[in-house]
Protein backbone atom coordinates (compact mmCIF):
# COMPACT_ATOMS: atom_id res chain seq x y z
CA MET A 1 -18.59 -26.04 22.06
CA ALA A 2 -16.19 -28.57 20.57
CA ILE A 3 -15.45 -28.57 16.88
CA THR A 4 -16.07 -31.85 15.07
CA LYS A 5 -13.22 -33.64 13.36
CA LYS A 6 -14.84 -33.03 9.97
CA LYS A 7 -15.09 -29.28 10.67
CA LYS A 8 -11.42 -29.22 11.73
CA GLN A 9 -10.45 -30.92 8.46
CA GLU A 10 -12.48 -28.36 6.52
CA LEU A 11 -10.79 -25.49 8.37
CA VAL A 12 -7.31 -26.93 7.73
CA ALA A 13 -8.19 -27.32 4.04
CA GLN A 14 -9.48 -23.72 3.93
CA TYR A 15 -6.34 -22.37 5.64
CA THR A 16 -4.13 -24.46 3.35
CA ASP A 17 -5.90 -23.05 0.29
CA LEU A 18 -5.62 -19.47 1.58
CA LEU A 19 -1.93 -19.93 2.43
CA SER A 20 -1.17 -21.30 -1.02
CA ARG A 21 -2.99 -18.42 -2.75
CA SER A 22 -1.82 -15.55 -0.54
CA GLN A 23 1.28 -13.51 -1.33
CA ALA A 24 1.69 -12.55 2.31
CA THR A 25 0.19 -13.61 5.61
CA ILE A 26 0.13 -11.27 8.60
CA LEU A 27 -0.50 -12.61 12.11
CA THR A 28 -2.08 -10.37 14.75
CA ASP A 29 -3.19 -10.48 18.36
CA TYR A 30 -6.78 -9.25 18.39
CA ARG A 31 -7.45 -9.40 22.16
CA GLY A 32 -9.48 -6.42 23.27
CA LEU A 33 -11.20 -5.77 19.94
CA THR A 34 -14.96 -5.90 19.89
CA ALA A 35 -16.85 -7.98 17.34
CA THR A 36 -17.87 -4.73 15.62
CA GLU A 37 -14.25 -3.59 15.33
CA ILE A 38 -13.15 -6.95 13.92
CA SER A 39 -16.02 -6.81 11.44
CA GLY A 40 -14.99 -3.30 10.41
CA LEU A 41 -11.38 -4.45 9.94
CA ARG A 42 -12.56 -7.40 7.85
CA ASN A 43 -14.54 -5.03 5.62
CA LYS A 44 -11.54 -2.72 5.15
CA LEU A 45 -9.31 -5.67 4.30
CA ARG A 46 -11.88 -7.10 1.91
CA GLU A 47 -11.68 -3.83 -0.07
CA VAL A 48 -7.97 -4.47 -0.69
CA ASP A 49 -8.49 -8.16 -1.59
CA SER A 50 -7.52 -9.66 1.77
CA GLN A 51 -9.27 -11.93 4.22
CA TYR A 52 -9.06 -11.79 8.03
CA HIS A 53 -9.70 -14.96 10.05
CA VAL A 54 -9.56 -15.74 13.73
CA ILE A 55 -7.80 -19.09 13.77
CA LYS A 56 -7.07 -22.03 16.02
CA ASN A 57 -3.29 -22.23 16.34
CA THR A 58 -3.11 -26.02 16.09
CA LEU A 59 -5.17 -26.05 12.88
CA PHE A 60 -3.08 -23.24 11.41
CA ARG A 61 0.13 -25.18 12.22
CA LEU A 62 -1.28 -28.13 10.26
CA ALA A 63 -2.09 -25.88 7.31
CA LEU A 64 1.42 -24.42 7.44
CA GLN A 65 2.85 -27.95 7.32
CA ASN A 66 0.62 -28.78 4.35
CA VAL A 67 2.09 -25.91 2.29
CA GLY A 68 5.64 -26.40 3.59
CA HIS A 69 5.91 -23.12 5.52
CA SER A 70 6.79 -22.45 9.12
CA VAL A 71 6.60 -19.49 11.47
CA PRO A 72 8.39 -18.87 14.76
CA GLU A 73 6.46 -20.49 17.60
CA GLU A 74 6.06 -17.20 19.49
CA LEU A 75 3.77 -15.97 16.71
CA LEU A 76 1.31 -18.75 17.43
CA VAL A 77 0.94 -18.12 21.16
CA GLY A 78 -2.37 -16.87 22.49
CA PRO A 79 -5.33 -15.80 20.38
CA VAL A 80 -4.26 -15.19 16.80
CA ALA A 81 -6.04 -13.73 13.80
CA VAL A 82 -4.51 -13.96 10.34
CA SER A 83 -4.77 -11.65 7.38
CA PHE A 84 -4.33 -13.45 4.07
CA CYS A 85 -3.18 -10.96 1.39
CA LEU A 86 -4.64 -12.37 -1.80
CA GLY A 87 -4.04 -9.19 -3.83
CA GLU A 88 -1.31 -6.59 -3.52
CA ILE A 89 0.63 -6.67 -0.28
CA PRO A 90 1.24 -2.95 0.49
CA PRO A 91 -2.46 -1.94 0.72
CA SER A 92 -3.22 -4.89 3.02
CA ALA A 93 -0.23 -4.17 5.24
CA LYS A 94 -1.11 -0.45 5.31
CA THR A 95 -4.70 -1.24 6.34
CA LEU A 96 -3.53 -3.41 9.23
CA VAL A 97 -0.78 -1.01 10.38
CA ASP A 98 -3.17 1.97 10.27
CA PHE A 99 -5.86 0.03 12.13
CA ALA A 100 -3.34 -1.03 14.79
CA LYS A 101 -2.25 2.61 15.24
CA ASP A 102 -5.84 3.84 15.49
CA SER A 103 -7.18 1.11 17.77
CA LYS A 104 -4.10 0.81 20.01
CA VAL A 105 -5.42 -2.69 20.81
CA LEU A 106 -4.56 -4.73 17.71
CA ILE A 107 -0.97 -6.00 17.84
CA ILE A 108 0.84 -7.09 14.70
CA LYS A 109 3.00 -10.08 15.61
CA GLY A 110 4.72 -10.89 12.33
CA GLY A 111 3.96 -12.88 9.24
CA LEU A 112 5.01 -14.72 6.12
CA LEU A 113 6.14 -13.25 2.81
CA SER A 114 6.58 -15.80 0.03
CA GLY A 115 6.86 -18.53 2.64
CA LYS A 116 9.55 -16.81 4.72
CA ALA A 117 8.96 -15.39 8.20
CA ILE A 118 9.02 -11.58 8.48
CA GLY A 119 8.92 -9.30 11.49
CA VAL A 120 6.83 -6.31 12.46
CA GLU A 121 9.41 -3.88 11.01
CA ASP A 122 9.18 -5.63 7.64
CA ILE A 123 5.39 -5.35 7.67
CA GLN A 124 5.63 -1.65 8.49
CA ALA A 125 8.10 -1.22 5.63
CA LEU A 126 5.70 -3.03 3.28
CA SER A 127 2.89 -0.73 4.39
CA SER A 128 4.88 2.33 3.34
CA LEU A 129 5.50 1.08 -0.20
CA PRO A 130 3.50 2.78 -2.93
CA SER A 131 0.93 0.80 -4.90
CA ARG A 132 1.83 -1.23 -7.97
CA GLU A 133 0.52 1.44 -10.34
CA VAL A 134 2.69 4.13 -8.73
CA LEU A 135 5.77 1.89 -8.85
CA LEU A 136 5.17 1.10 -12.52
CA ALA A 137 4.76 4.82 -13.27
CA GLN A 138 8.04 5.56 -11.48
CA VAL A 139 9.87 2.86 -13.45
CA LEU A 140 8.41 4.15 -16.71
CA ALA A 141 9.40 7.72 -15.86
CA GLY A 142 12.91 6.51 -15.07
CA MET A 143 13.10 4.79 -18.44
CA GLN A 144 11.76 7.82 -20.32
CA SER A 145 14.04 10.34 -18.65
CA PRO A 146 17.27 9.38 -20.48
CA ILE A 147 15.42 9.18 -23.80
CA SER A 148 13.94 12.66 -23.30
CA GLY A 149 17.39 13.99 -22.45
CA LEU A 150 18.86 12.37 -25.57
CA VAL A 151 16.17 13.92 -27.78
CA THR A 152 16.86 17.33 -26.23
CA VAL A 153 20.61 16.99 -26.77
CA LEU A 154 20.23 15.77 -30.36
CA SER A 155 17.75 18.51 -31.27
CA GLY A 156 20.00 21.26 -29.87
CA PRO A 157 22.40 21.57 -32.87
CA ILE A 158 19.52 21.39 -35.36
CA ARG A 159 17.65 24.09 -33.44
CA GLY A 160 20.82 26.20 -33.40
CA LEU A 161 21.27 25.77 -37.17
CA LEU A 162 17.64 26.74 -37.77
CA ASN A 163 18.09 29.88 -35.64
CA VAL A 164 21.21 30.86 -37.61
CA LEU A 165 19.45 30.29 -40.95
CA LYS A 166 16.40 32.28 -39.79
CA ALA A 167 18.58 35.15 -38.61
CA ARG A 168 20.50 35.11 -41.92
CA SER A 169 17.27 35.13 -43.94
CA GLU A 170 15.97 38.05 -41.87
CA GLN A 171 19.30 39.83 -42.41
CA LEU A 172 19.07 39.29 -46.16
CA GLU A 173 15.42 40.46 -46.21
CA GLY A 174 16.41 43.56 -44.24
CA ALA A 175 19.26 44.32 -46.67
CA SER A 176 17.08 43.98 -49.77
CA ALA A 177 14.28 46.14 -48.38
């Protein structure tokens, strides 16, 4: 069934909006997946604030032109589905990489990160990054570590002086008793 010109314009507008809002876009080859499996993948991606769309390559190329991005032509060959990462990138990438490993049918082709083309290795690297909260906790711990060390070093002489004074007071109490 042919798509009307109006519907094509709506799809291009939708893809353009998603491309402009997404932090990363991951292109996959979904051949061999059942409708149930695609639906399950969509649900998993929705949980991490991503959307998964089966696209028409020509309409997606138009949307890419609208936002000023480009991808290598080999990524837009054959049936393509796109994951638009609207939230954090690592959870979305991890969901897709894990699903591809489990299903052995889904193939990650590449994607866009901040408008620049990235390869499969980059997407796998993104999937192994910890979440934003974990990264912030690590940075905070790194900032606190030198301060804690400084406090320990500065309190050392005072603690030593207190121990000497306590020992002297116990010595004087023992002598007077």
